[in-house]
């Protein structure tokens, strides 16, 4: 079999999205709009899909990454219970960020039961917003896209139940290290020796 045919067979064997009608190329375009936090209408207009199809992919992405352990509701982790001032300030900023980003979107109400995928998504996005606050750049969005694609390739196509969850969680830790190193190199607020030492301590712990 020619090398080109082998590569094509490999791509078909490991799709990013479980669908006979949507190619990996188009799915990646939708994923890019998801990374940019665009609406389903904006994603549909740019990709040629119907609004319903784009919205369905967005819903599957939220569910998939939550089930894979990438999107996590911080309240379910027990990290927000302590009354320390730092935790309270973090919580205030996170909630402001969450309600700001969903304020202009429709259909993002929390479910009556089960995980709140939208808040879990906001928690994930907030970690990258810290990077953008330090240095606004499309490179942060590119990093987000790479990180999402890494989880999909490790845990299986979107539209199915994530597999290899432990491997995906290890990738999540590596991605956190990458964000911390980015802050150390690019964040003006983290250029002091004390702040850099604190970041290194997080990476090493």
N, C-alpha and C. Protein backbone atom coordinates (compact mmCIF):
# COMPACT_ATOMS: atom_id res chain seq x y z
N UNK A 1 0.85 -1.19 0.00
CA UNK A 1 0.00 0.00 0.00
C UNK A 1 0.88 1.24 0.00
N UNK A 2 0.64 2.22 -0.90
CA UNK A 2 1.45 3.44 -0.92
C UNK A 2 1.35 4.18 0.41
N UNK A 3 2.40 4.97 0.70
CA UNK A 3 2.43 5.69 1.97
C UNK A 3 1.25 6.62 2.13
N UNK A 4 0.86 7.30 1.03
CA UNK A 4 -0.28 8.21 1.10
C UNK A 4 -1.56 7.49 1.48
N UNK A 5 -1.76 6.30 0.92
CA UNK A 5 -2.96 5.53 1.24
C UNK A 5 -2.95 5.10 2.70
N UNK A 6 -1.76 4.76 3.22
CA UNK A 6 -1.66 4.39 4.63
C UNK A 6 -2.04 5.55 5.53
N UNK A 7 -1.58 6.74 5.19
CA UNK A 7 -1.90 7.89 6.01
C UNK A 7 -3.40 8.17 5.98
N UNK A 8 -4.03 8.04 4.81
CA UNK A 8 -5.46 8.26 4.72
C UNK A 8 -6.23 7.25 5.54
N UNK A 9 -5.78 5.99 5.52
CA UNK A 9 -6.45 4.95 6.29
C UNK A 9 -6.34 5.24 7.78
N UNK A 10 -5.18 5.77 8.20
CA UNK A 10 -4.99 6.10 9.61
C UNK A 10 -5.93 7.21 10.03
N UNK A 11 -6.08 8.22 9.17
CA UNK A 11 -6.98 9.32 9.51
C UNK A 11 -8.41 8.83 9.63
N UNK A 12 -8.83 7.93 8.72
CA UNK A 12 -10.20 7.43 8.78
C UNK A 12 -10.41 6.56 10.00
N UNK A 13 -9.35 5.85 10.44
CA UNK A 13 -9.49 4.94 11.57
C UNK A 13 -9.62 5.70 12.88
N UNK A 14 -9.10 6.93 12.96
CA UNK A 14 -9.13 7.69 14.20
C UNK A 14 -9.73 9.08 13.95
N UNK A 15 -11.03 9.13 13.73
CA UNK A 15 -11.65 10.43 13.48
C UNK A 15 -11.72 11.26 14.75
N UNK A 16 -11.86 12.56 14.58
CA UNK A 16 -12.01 13.46 15.72
C UNK A 16 -13.46 13.53 16.18
N UNK A 17 -14.38 13.31 15.24
CA UNK A 17 -15.81 13.44 15.54
C UNK A 17 -16.56 12.27 14.93
N UNK A 18 -17.40 11.65 15.72
CA UNK A 18 -18.12 10.48 15.25
C UNK A 18 -19.34 10.91 14.44
N UNK A 19 -19.15 11.04 13.14
CA UNK A 19 -20.23 11.44 12.25
C UNK A 19 -19.87 11.07 10.82
N UNK A 20 -20.83 10.54 10.10
CA UNK A 20 -20.58 10.18 8.70
C UNK A 20 -20.72 11.39 7.79
N UNK A 21 -21.29 12.48 8.30
CA UNK A 21 -21.60 13.63 7.45
C UNK A 21 -20.63 14.80 7.64
N UNK A 22 -19.90 14.82 8.76
CA UNK A 22 -19.03 15.95 9.06
C UNK A 22 -17.58 15.48 9.07
N UNK A 23 -16.78 16.05 8.18
CA UNK A 23 -15.38 15.66 8.07
C UNK A 23 -14.57 16.22 9.23
N UNK A 24 -13.37 15.65 9.44
CA UNK A 24 -12.49 16.17 10.48
C UNK A 24 -12.13 17.63 10.20
N UNK A 25 -11.97 17.97 8.92
CA UNK A 25 -11.63 19.34 8.55
C UNK A 25 -12.72 20.31 9.02
N UNK A 26 -13.97 19.98 8.75
CA UNK A 26 -15.06 20.87 9.16
C UNK A 26 -15.23 20.86 10.68
N UNK A 27 -15.03 19.70 11.29
CA UNK A 27 -15.13 19.63 12.74
C UNK A 27 -14.08 20.51 13.40
N UNK A 28 -12.85 20.51 12.86
CA UNK A 28 -11.80 21.36 13.43
C UNK A 28 -12.19 22.84 13.31
N UNK A 29 -12.85 23.21 12.23
CA UNK A 29 -13.30 24.59 12.08
C UNK A 29 -14.35 24.94 13.14
N UNK A 30 -15.27 24.00 13.39
CA UNK A 30 -16.26 24.23 14.44
C UNK A 30 -15.58 24.31 15.79
N UNK A 31 -14.60 23.43 16.01
CA UNK A 31 -13.88 23.43 17.28
C UNK A 31 -13.16 24.75 17.50
N UNK A 32 -12.62 25.34 16.44
CA UNK A 32 -11.95 26.63 16.55
C UNK A 32 -12.93 27.71 17.03
N UNK A 33 -14.15 27.68 16.49
CA UNK A 33 -15.15 28.66 16.93
C UNK A 33 -15.58 28.38 18.37
N UNK A 34 -15.60 27.12 18.76
CA UNK A 34 -15.88 26.78 20.15
C UNK A 34 -14.79 27.35 21.06
N UNK A 35 -13.53 27.20 20.64
CA UNK A 35 -12.42 27.74 21.41
C UNK A 35 -12.57 29.25 21.56
N UNK A 36 -12.97 29.92 20.51
CA UNK A 36 -13.12 31.37 20.56
C UNK A 36 -14.38 31.80 21.31
N UNK A 37 -15.15 30.83 21.77
CA UNK A 37 -16.40 31.08 22.52
C UNK A 37 -17.42 31.82 21.68
N UNK A 38 -17.44 31.51 20.37
CA UNK A 38 -18.45 32.07 19.50
C UNK A 38 -19.77 31.36 19.71
N UNK A 39 -20.84 31.96 19.25
CA UNK A 39 -22.14 31.32 19.33
C UNK A 39 -22.26 30.25 18.25
N UNK A 40 -23.24 29.38 18.41
CA UNK A 40 -23.50 28.36 17.38
C UNK A 40 -23.87 29.02 16.06
N UNK A 41 -24.56 30.16 16.13
CA UNK A 41 -24.93 30.88 14.91
C UNK A 41 -23.69 31.37 14.17
N UNK A 42 -22.73 31.91 14.89
CA UNK A 42 -21.49 32.37 14.27
C UNK A 42 -20.71 31.21 13.68
N UNK A 43 -20.65 30.08 14.41
CA UNK A 43 -19.94 28.91 13.91
C UNK A 43 -20.61 28.36 12.66
N UNK A 44 -21.94 28.34 12.66
CA UNK A 44 -22.67 27.82 11.51
C UNK A 44 -22.45 28.70 10.27
N UNK A 45 -22.47 29.99 10.48
CA UNK A 45 -22.28 30.92 9.36
C UNK A 45 -20.90 30.75 8.74
N UNK A 46 -19.88 30.49 9.55
CA UNK A 46 -18.51 30.40 9.06
C UNK A 46 -18.17 29.03 8.48
N UNK A 47 -18.92 28.00 8.86
CA UNK A 47 -18.58 26.64 8.43
C UNK A 47 -19.55 26.05 7.43
N UNK A 48 -20.67 26.71 7.19
CA UNK A 48 -21.65 26.18 6.25
C UNK A 48 -22.58 25.15 6.85
N UNK A 49 -22.51 24.92 8.14
CA UNK A 49 -23.43 24.00 8.81
C UNK A 49 -24.71 24.74 9.20
N UNK A 50 -25.74 23.97 9.52
CA UNK A 50 -26.94 24.59 10.05
C UNK A 50 -26.68 24.99 11.50
N UNK A 51 -27.47 25.94 12.00
CA UNK A 51 -27.31 26.36 13.39
C UNK A 51 -27.56 25.18 14.32
N UNK A 52 -28.54 24.35 14.00
CA UNK A 52 -28.84 23.19 14.84
C UNK A 52 -27.66 22.22 14.90
N UNK A 53 -26.98 22.02 13.75
CA UNK A 53 -25.84 21.11 13.72
C UNK A 53 -24.68 21.67 14.54
N UNK A 54 -24.40 22.96 14.39
CA UNK A 54 -23.32 23.58 15.16
C UNK A 54 -23.63 23.54 16.65
N UNK A 55 -24.90 23.83 17.01
CA UNK A 55 -25.29 23.80 18.42
C UNK A 55 -25.17 22.39 18.99
N UNK A 56 -25.51 21.39 18.18
CA UNK A 56 -25.40 20.00 18.64
C UNK A 56 -23.94 19.63 18.90
N UNK A 57 -23.04 20.07 18.03
CA UNK A 57 -21.61 19.79 18.24
C UNK A 57 -21.12 20.48 19.50
N UNK A 58 -21.54 21.72 19.70
CA UNK A 58 -21.15 22.45 20.92
C UNK A 58 -21.61 21.70 22.17
N UNK A 59 -22.86 21.21 22.14
CA UNK A 59 -23.37 20.47 23.31
C UNK A 59 -22.54 19.21 23.55
N UNK A 60 -22.21 18.51 22.47
CA UNK A 60 -21.42 17.29 22.62
C UNK A 60 -20.01 17.59 23.13
N UNK A 61 -19.45 18.71 22.69
CA UNK A 61 -18.13 19.08 23.16
C UNK A 61 -18.13 19.34 24.67
N UNK A 62 -19.13 20.06 25.14
CA UNK A 62 -19.20 20.35 26.58
C UNK A 62 -19.35 19.06 27.39
N UNK A 63 -20.23 18.19 26.94
CA UNK A 63 -20.42 16.93 27.65
C UNK A 63 -19.19 16.05 27.59
N UNK A 64 -18.57 16.00 26.41
CA UNK A 64 -17.40 15.13 26.22
C UNK A 64 -16.25 15.56 27.12
N UNK A 65 -15.91 16.84 27.09
CA UNK A 65 -14.75 17.29 27.86
C UNK A 65 -15.02 17.26 29.37
N UNK A 66 -16.27 17.38 29.76
CA UNK A 66 -16.60 17.23 31.18
C UNK A 66 -16.44 15.77 31.60
N UNK A 67 -16.94 14.86 30.78
CA UNK A 67 -16.81 13.44 31.09
C UNK A 67 -15.35 12.98 31.05
N UNK A 68 -14.56 13.60 30.19
CA UNK A 68 -13.14 13.25 30.10
C UNK A 68 -12.33 13.81 31.26
N UNK A 69 -12.92 14.75 32.03
CA UNK A 69 -12.23 15.31 33.17
C UNK A 69 -11.47 16.59 32.88
N UNK A 70 -11.57 17.11 31.65
CA UNK A 70 -10.88 18.35 31.32
C UNK A 70 -11.66 19.56 31.85
N UNK A 71 -12.97 19.56 31.62
CA UNK A 71 -13.84 20.60 32.16
C UNK A 71 -14.31 20.13 33.53
N UNK A 72 -14.03 20.91 34.56
CA UNK A 72 -14.38 20.51 35.92
C UNK A 72 -15.05 21.68 36.63
N UNK A 73 -16.19 21.42 37.25
CA UNK A 73 -16.86 22.39 38.10
C UNK A 73 -16.06 22.49 39.39
N UNK A 74 -15.43 23.64 39.64
CA UNK A 74 -14.57 23.78 40.80
C UNK A 74 -15.31 23.58 42.12
N UNK A 75 -16.62 23.82 42.13
CA UNK A 75 -17.38 23.63 43.36
C UNK A 75 -17.48 22.15 43.73
N UNK A 76 -17.41 21.27 42.74
CA UNK A 76 -17.50 19.84 43.03
C UNK A 76 -16.17 19.28 43.52
N UNK A 77 -15.10 20.09 43.46
CA UNK A 77 -13.77 19.62 43.86
C UNK A 77 -13.46 19.96 45.31
N UNK A 78 -14.32 20.76 45.95
CA UNK A 78 -14.07 21.13 47.34
C UNK A 78 -13.01 22.20 47.50
N UNK A 79 -12.61 22.85 46.40
CA UNK A 79 -11.53 23.85 46.48
C UNK A 79 -12.03 25.24 46.85
N UNK A 80 -13.35 25.43 46.88
CA UNK A 80 -13.87 26.78 47.09
C UNK A 80 -14.50 26.93 48.48
N UNK A 81 -14.34 25.93 49.34
CA UNK A 81 -15.02 25.95 50.62
C UNK A 81 -14.28 26.76 51.67
N UNK A 82 -12.96 26.85 51.57
CA UNK A 82 -12.20 27.55 52.58
C UNK A 82 -12.46 29.05 52.51
N UNK A 83 -12.52 29.74 53.66
CA UNK A 83 -12.88 31.16 53.67
C UNK A 83 -11.70 32.10 53.46
N UNK A 84 -10.52 31.59 53.11
CA UNK A 84 -9.37 32.46 52.94
C UNK A 84 -9.67 33.54 51.90
N UNK A 85 -9.05 34.70 52.08
CA UNK A 85 -9.31 35.82 51.17
C UNK A 85 -8.96 35.47 49.73
N UNK A 86 -7.88 34.70 49.53
CA UNK A 86 -7.49 34.37 48.16
C UNK A 86 -8.56 33.54 47.48
N UNK A 87 -9.13 32.58 48.19
CA UNK A 87 -10.18 31.76 47.59
C UNK A 87 -11.41 32.59 47.27
N UNK A 88 -11.76 33.51 48.18
CA UNK A 88 -12.93 34.35 47.95
C UNK A 88 -12.72 35.26 46.75
N UNK A 89 -11.52 35.80 46.60
CA UNK A 89 -11.23 36.66 45.45
C UNK A 89 -11.25 35.85 44.16
N UNK A 90 -10.68 34.65 44.19
CA UNK A 90 -10.71 33.78 43.02
C UNK A 90 -12.15 33.45 42.64
N UNK A 91 -12.97 33.13 43.63
CA UNK A 91 -14.36 32.79 43.37
C UNK A 91 -15.11 33.97 42.77
N UNK A 92 -14.88 35.16 43.30
CA UNK A 92 -15.55 36.34 42.77
C UNK A 92 -15.20 36.55 41.31
N UNK A 93 -13.92 36.47 40.99
CA UNK A 93 -13.48 36.69 39.62
C UNK A 93 -14.01 35.61 38.68
N UNK A 94 -14.01 34.36 39.15
CA UNK A 94 -14.51 33.27 38.34
C UNK A 94 -15.99 33.44 38.03
N UNK A 95 -16.79 33.77 39.05
CA UNK A 95 -18.23 33.93 38.84
C UNK A 95 -18.52 35.12 37.94
N UNK A 96 -17.78 36.20 38.10
CA UNK A 96 -17.95 37.35 37.21
C UNK A 96 -17.65 36.95 35.77
N UNK A 97 -16.58 36.20 35.59
CA UNK A 97 -16.21 35.74 34.25
C UNK A 97 -17.30 34.85 33.67
N UNK A 98 -17.79 33.91 34.48
CA UNK A 98 -18.82 32.97 33.99
C UNK A 98 -20.09 33.69 33.58
N UNK A 99 -20.61 34.55 34.46
CA UNK A 99 -21.88 35.21 34.15
C UNK A 99 -21.72 36.22 33.02
N UNK A 100 -20.53 36.77 32.88
CA UNK A 100 -20.29 37.69 31.77
C UNK A 100 -20.33 36.95 30.44
N UNK A 101 -19.68 35.77 30.38
CA UNK A 101 -19.59 35.07 29.09
C UNK A 101 -20.91 34.43 28.69
N UNK A 102 -21.74 34.05 29.65
CA UNK A 102 -23.01 33.42 29.26
C UNK A 102 -24.15 34.42 29.17
N UNK A 103 -23.88 35.67 29.60
CA UNK A 103 -24.94 36.66 29.62
C UNK A 103 -25.51 36.96 28.24
N UNK A 104 -24.67 36.85 27.20
CA UNK A 104 -25.12 37.17 25.85
C UNK A 104 -25.49 35.93 25.05
N UNK A 105 -25.49 34.78 25.70
CA UNK A 105 -25.80 33.54 25.00
C UNK A 105 -27.17 33.03 25.42
N UNK A 106 -27.78 32.25 24.55
CA UNK A 106 -29.09 31.67 24.85
C UNK A 106 -28.95 30.18 25.10
N UNK A 107 -29.89 29.66 25.87
CA UNK A 107 -29.93 28.22 26.09
C UNK A 107 -28.82 27.68 26.96
N UNK A 108 -28.24 28.53 27.81
CA UNK A 108 -27.13 28.08 28.65
C UNK A 108 -27.52 27.98 30.12
N UNK A 109 -28.81 27.81 30.40
CA UNK A 109 -29.23 27.67 31.79
C UNK A 109 -28.70 26.36 32.36
N UNK A 110 -28.40 26.37 33.66
CA UNK A 110 -27.90 25.16 34.31
C UNK A 110 -29.00 24.11 34.35
N UNK A 111 -28.66 22.83 34.16
CA UNK A 111 -29.67 21.78 34.20
C UNK A 111 -30.21 21.61 35.61
N UNK A 112 -31.48 21.13 35.76
CA UNK A 112 -32.04 20.95 37.11
C UNK A 112 -31.30 19.90 37.92
N UNK A 113 -30.70 18.92 37.23
CA UNK A 113 -29.89 17.92 37.91
C UNK A 113 -28.75 17.51 37.00
N UNK A 114 -27.76 16.85 37.56
CA UNK A 114 -26.61 16.47 36.75
C UNK A 114 -25.59 17.59 36.70
N UNK A 115 -24.47 17.36 36.03
CA UNK A 115 -23.39 18.36 35.99
C UNK A 115 -23.77 19.59 35.19
N UNK A 116 -23.28 20.72 35.62
CA UNK A 116 -23.47 21.98 34.90
C UNK A 116 -22.31 22.12 33.92
N UNK A 117 -22.51 21.63 32.69
CA UNK A 117 -21.45 21.65 31.70
C UNK A 117 -20.97 23.06 31.39
N UNK A 118 -21.89 24.03 31.44
CA UNK A 118 -21.54 25.40 31.08
C UNK A 118 -20.61 26.02 32.12
N UNK A 119 -20.87 25.76 33.39
CA UNK A 119 -19.98 26.31 34.41
C UNK A 119 -18.64 25.59 34.39
N UNK A 120 -18.65 24.27 34.16
CA UNK A 120 -17.40 23.52 34.04
C UNK A 120 -16.56 24.07 32.88
N UNK A 121 -17.24 24.41 31.79
CA UNK A 121 -16.54 25.01 30.65
C UNK A 121 -15.94 26.36 31.04
N UNK A 122 -16.69 27.16 31.79
CA UNK A 122 -16.19 28.46 32.23
C UNK A 122 -14.96 28.31 33.11
N UNK A 123 -14.96 27.29 33.98
CA UNK A 123 -13.79 27.06 34.84
C UNK A 123 -12.55 26.78 33.99
N UNK A 124 -12.72 25.98 32.93
CA UNK A 124 -11.60 25.68 32.04
C UNK A 124 -11.15 26.95 31.32
N UNK A 125 -12.09 27.71 30.80
CA UNK A 125 -11.75 28.93 30.07
C UNK A 125 -11.08 29.96 30.97
N UNK A 126 -11.50 30.01 32.22
CA UNK A 126 -10.96 31.00 33.15
C UNK A 126 -9.46 30.81 33.35
N UNK A 127 -9.01 29.55 33.33
CA UNK A 127 -7.57 29.28 33.47
C UNK A 127 -6.77 29.91 32.34
N UNK A 128 -7.35 29.96 31.14
CA UNK A 128 -6.66 30.58 30.00
C UNK A 128 -6.87 32.09 29.97
N UNK A 129 -7.99 32.54 30.55
CA UNK A 129 -8.23 33.98 30.59
C UNK A 129 -7.15 34.68 31.40
N UNK A 130 -6.61 34.00 32.40
CA UNK A 130 -5.51 34.56 33.19
C UNK A 130 -4.34 34.86 32.26
N UNK A 131 -4.10 33.97 31.29
CA UNK A 131 -3.02 34.20 30.32
C UNK A 131 -3.34 35.40 29.45
N UNK A 132 -4.58 35.49 28.99
CA UNK A 132 -4.97 36.59 28.11
C UNK A 132 -4.97 37.92 28.85
N UNK A 133 -5.26 37.89 30.14
CA UNK A 133 -5.20 39.12 30.93
C UNK A 133 -3.77 39.65 31.00
N UNK A 134 -2.80 38.74 31.02
CA UNK A 134 -1.40 39.13 31.08
C UNK A 134 -0.88 39.62 29.73
N UNK A 135 -1.28 38.94 28.68
CA UNK A 135 -0.84 39.35 27.34
C UNK A 135 -1.89 38.90 26.32
N UNK A 136 -2.83 39.78 25.96
CA UNK A 136 -3.85 39.41 24.98
C UNK A 136 -3.20 38.96 23.68
N UNK A 137 -3.52 37.75 23.25
CA UNK A 137 -2.89 37.20 22.05
C UNK A 137 -3.71 36.03 21.52
N UNK A 138 -3.80 35.93 20.20
CA UNK A 138 -4.46 34.78 19.60
C UNK A 138 -3.68 33.50 19.85
N UNK A 139 -2.41 33.64 20.26
CA UNK A 139 -1.62 32.45 20.57
C UNK A 139 -2.23 31.66 21.72
N UNK A 140 -2.94 32.34 22.61
CA UNK A 140 -3.60 31.64 23.72
C UNK A 140 -4.73 30.77 23.17
N UNK A 141 -5.49 31.30 22.21
CA UNK A 141 -6.54 30.50 21.58
C UNK A 141 -5.94 29.30 20.86
N UNK A 142 -4.81 29.51 20.21
CA UNK A 142 -4.15 28.40 19.51
C UNK A 142 -3.74 27.32 20.51
N UNK A 143 -3.25 27.74 21.68
CA UNK A 143 -2.90 26.78 22.72
C UNK A 143 -4.14 26.00 23.17
N UNK A 144 -5.24 26.69 23.36
CA UNK A 144 -6.48 26.04 23.78
C UNK A 144 -6.90 24.99 22.75
N UNK A 145 -6.81 25.34 21.47
CA UNK A 145 -7.19 24.39 20.42
C UNK A 145 -6.30 23.16 20.45
N UNK A 146 -5.00 23.36 20.58
CA UNK A 146 -4.07 22.23 20.65
C UNK A 146 -4.39 21.34 21.84
N UNK A 147 -4.71 21.94 22.96
CA UNK A 147 -5.01 21.16 24.16
C UNK A 147 -6.29 20.34 24.00
N UNK A 148 -7.31 20.93 23.39
CA UNK A 148 -8.55 20.18 23.17
C UNK A 148 -8.32 19.02 22.19
N UNK A 149 -7.59 19.29 21.13
CA UNK A 149 -7.31 18.23 20.15
C UNK A 149 -6.50 17.10 20.78
N UNK A 150 -5.60 17.44 21.69
CA UNK A 150 -4.81 16.40 22.35
C UNK A 150 -5.71 15.46 23.15
N UNK A 151 -6.67 16.02 23.87
CA UNK A 151 -7.58 15.18 24.66
C UNK A 151 -8.43 14.31 23.75
N UNK A 152 -8.90 14.86 22.64
CA UNK A 152 -9.72 14.07 21.71
C UNK A 152 -8.92 12.92 21.14
N UNK A 153 -7.68 13.18 20.76
CA UNK A 153 -6.86 12.12 20.16
C UNK A 153 -6.53 11.03 21.19
N UNK A 154 -6.42 11.41 22.45
CA UNK A 154 -6.10 10.44 23.49
C UNK A 154 -7.33 9.67 23.96
N UNK A 155 -8.47 10.35 23.99
CA UNK A 155 -9.66 9.77 24.62
C UNK A 155 -10.73 9.33 23.63
N UNK A 156 -10.48 9.47 22.33
CA UNK A 156 -11.45 8.99 21.36
C UNK A 156 -12.30 10.10 20.79
N UNK A 157 -13.03 9.82 19.73
CA UNK A 157 -13.78 10.87 19.03
C UNK A 157 -14.91 11.45 19.85
N UNK A 158 -15.18 12.73 19.64
CA UNK A 158 -16.33 13.40 20.23
C UNK A 158 -17.59 12.76 19.64
N UNK A 159 -18.59 12.58 20.47
CA UNK A 159 -19.79 11.88 20.04
C UNK A 159 -19.87 10.49 20.64
N UNK A 160 -18.76 10.04 21.20
CA UNK A 160 -18.71 8.77 21.92
C UNK A 160 -18.25 9.02 23.34
N UNK A 161 -18.27 8.00 24.15
CA UNK A 161 -17.83 8.13 25.54
C UNK A 161 -16.31 8.19 25.58
N UNK A 162 -15.73 9.16 26.30
CA UNK A 162 -14.26 9.24 26.36
C UNK A 162 -13.64 7.97 26.95
N UNK A 163 -12.56 7.52 26.35
CA UNK A 163 -11.82 6.38 26.85
C UNK A 163 -10.44 6.85 27.33
N UNK A 164 -9.65 5.94 27.88
CA UNK A 164 -8.29 6.29 28.32
C UNK A 164 -8.31 7.54 29.20
N UNK A 165 -9.27 7.60 30.13
CA UNK A 165 -9.44 8.82 30.92
C UNK A 165 -8.19 9.14 31.75
N UNK A 166 -7.53 8.13 32.26
CA UNK A 166 -6.32 8.38 33.06
C UNK A 166 -5.23 9.04 32.22
N UNK A 167 -5.11 8.59 30.97
CA UNK A 167 -4.13 9.18 30.07
C UNK A 167 -4.51 10.64 29.79
N UNK A 168 -5.80 10.87 29.60
CA UNK A 168 -6.27 12.23 29.37
C UNK A 168 -6.01 13.15 30.56
N UNK A 169 -6.17 12.62 31.78
CA UNK A 169 -5.91 13.42 32.97
C UNK A 169 -4.43 13.76 33.11
N UNK A 170 -3.57 12.83 32.70
CA UNK A 170 -2.14 13.13 32.70
C UNK A 170 -1.83 14.25 31.71
N UNK A 171 -2.50 14.22 30.56
CA UNK A 171 -2.32 15.29 29.57
C UNK A 171 -2.81 16.61 30.14
N UNK A 172 -3.89 16.58 30.91
CA UNK A 172 -4.41 17.79 31.54
C UNK A 172 -3.37 18.42 32.47
N UNK A 173 -2.66 17.59 33.21
CA UNK A 173 -1.60 18.09 34.10
C UNK A 173 -0.46 18.71 33.30
N UNK A 174 -0.10 18.08 32.17
CA UNK A 174 0.95 18.65 31.32
C UNK A 174 0.51 20.00 30.75
N UNK A 175 -0.76 20.09 30.40
CA UNK A 175 -1.28 21.34 29.87
C UNK A 175 -1.25 22.44 30.92
N UNK A 176 -1.52 22.09 32.17
CA UNK A 176 -1.42 23.06 33.25
C UNK A 176 0.02 23.56 33.39
N UNK A 177 0.98 22.64 33.29
CA UNK A 177 2.38 23.03 33.35
C UNK A 177 2.73 24.00 32.23
N UNK A 178 2.19 23.75 31.03
CA UNK A 178 2.46 24.63 29.90
C UNK A 178 1.91 26.03 30.15
N UNK A 179 0.72 26.11 30.76
CA UNK A 179 0.15 27.43 31.06
C UNK A 179 1.01 28.17 32.08
N UNK A 180 1.48 27.44 33.09
CA UNK A 180 2.30 28.07 34.12
C UNK A 180 3.61 28.58 33.53
N UNK A 181 4.23 27.78 32.66
CA UNK A 181 5.48 28.21 32.02
C UNK A 181 5.23 29.41 31.12
N UNK A 182 4.08 29.44 30.45
CA UNK A 182 3.73 30.57 29.60
C UNK A 182 3.65 31.84 30.45
N UNK A 183 3.01 31.73 31.62
CA UNK A 183 2.89 32.90 32.49
C UNK A 183 4.27 33.37 32.96
N UNK A 184 5.13 32.42 33.28
CA UNK A 184 6.47 32.77 33.75
C UNK A 184 7.24 33.54 32.68
N UNK A 185 7.04 33.16 31.42
CA UNK A 185 7.80 33.77 30.33
C UNK A 185 7.14 35.03 29.78
N UNK A 186 5.81 35.11 29.84
CA UNK A 186 5.10 36.17 29.14
C UNK A 186 4.27 37.10 30.02
N UNK A 187 4.00 36.69 31.26
CA UNK A 187 3.13 37.49 32.11
C UNK A 187 3.89 38.58 32.85
N UNK A 188 3.59 39.86 32.59
CA UNK A 188 4.28 40.95 33.29
C UNK A 188 4.15 40.86 34.81
N UNK A 189 3.00 40.36 35.29
CA UNK A 189 2.79 40.28 36.74
C UNK A 189 3.59 39.15 37.38
N UNK A 190 4.19 38.30 36.55
CA UNK A 190 4.91 37.14 37.09
C UNK A 190 6.42 37.22 36.80
N UNK A 191 6.91 38.43 36.52
CA UNK A 191 8.32 38.58 36.19
C UNK A 191 9.21 38.69 37.42
N UNK A 192 8.62 39.02 38.56
CA UNK A 192 9.41 39.11 39.78
C UNK A 192 9.89 37.74 40.23
N UNK A 193 11.03 37.71 40.90
CA UNK A 193 11.60 36.43 41.34
C UNK A 193 10.65 35.69 42.27
N UNK A 194 9.94 36.42 43.14
CA UNK A 194 9.04 35.77 44.07
C UNK A 194 7.88 35.09 43.37
N UNK A 195 7.27 35.78 42.40
CA UNK A 195 6.14 35.20 41.67
C UNK A 195 6.60 34.02 40.81
N UNK A 196 7.78 34.15 40.21
CA UNK A 196 8.30 33.04 39.40
C UNK A 196 8.60 31.82 40.26
N UNK A 197 9.12 32.05 41.44
CA UNK A 197 9.41 30.94 42.35
C UNK A 197 8.12 30.24 42.75
N UNK A 198 7.05 31.03 42.95
CA UNK A 198 5.76 30.42 43.30
C UNK A 198 5.23 29.57 42.15
N UNK A 199 5.41 30.04 40.92
CA UNK A 199 4.97 29.26 39.77
C UNK A 199 5.76 27.97 39.66
N UNK A 200 7.07 28.07 39.84
CA UNK A 200 7.89 26.86 39.77
C UNK A 200 7.50 25.84 40.84
N UNK A 201 7.14 26.35 42.00
CA UNK A 201 6.72 25.46 43.09
C UNK A 201 5.44 24.72 42.71
N UNK A 202 4.53 25.40 42.01
CA UNK A 202 3.30 24.74 41.55
C UNK A 202 3.63 23.65 40.55
N UNK A 203 4.53 23.93 39.62
CA UNK A 203 4.90 22.95 38.61
C UNK A 203 5.54 21.72 39.26
N UNK A 204 6.37 21.94 40.26
CA UNK A 204 7.11 20.84 40.86
C UNK A 204 6.31 20.04 41.88
N UNK A 205 5.18 20.60 42.33
CA UNK A 205 4.41 19.92 43.38
C UNK A 205 3.56 18.79 42.80
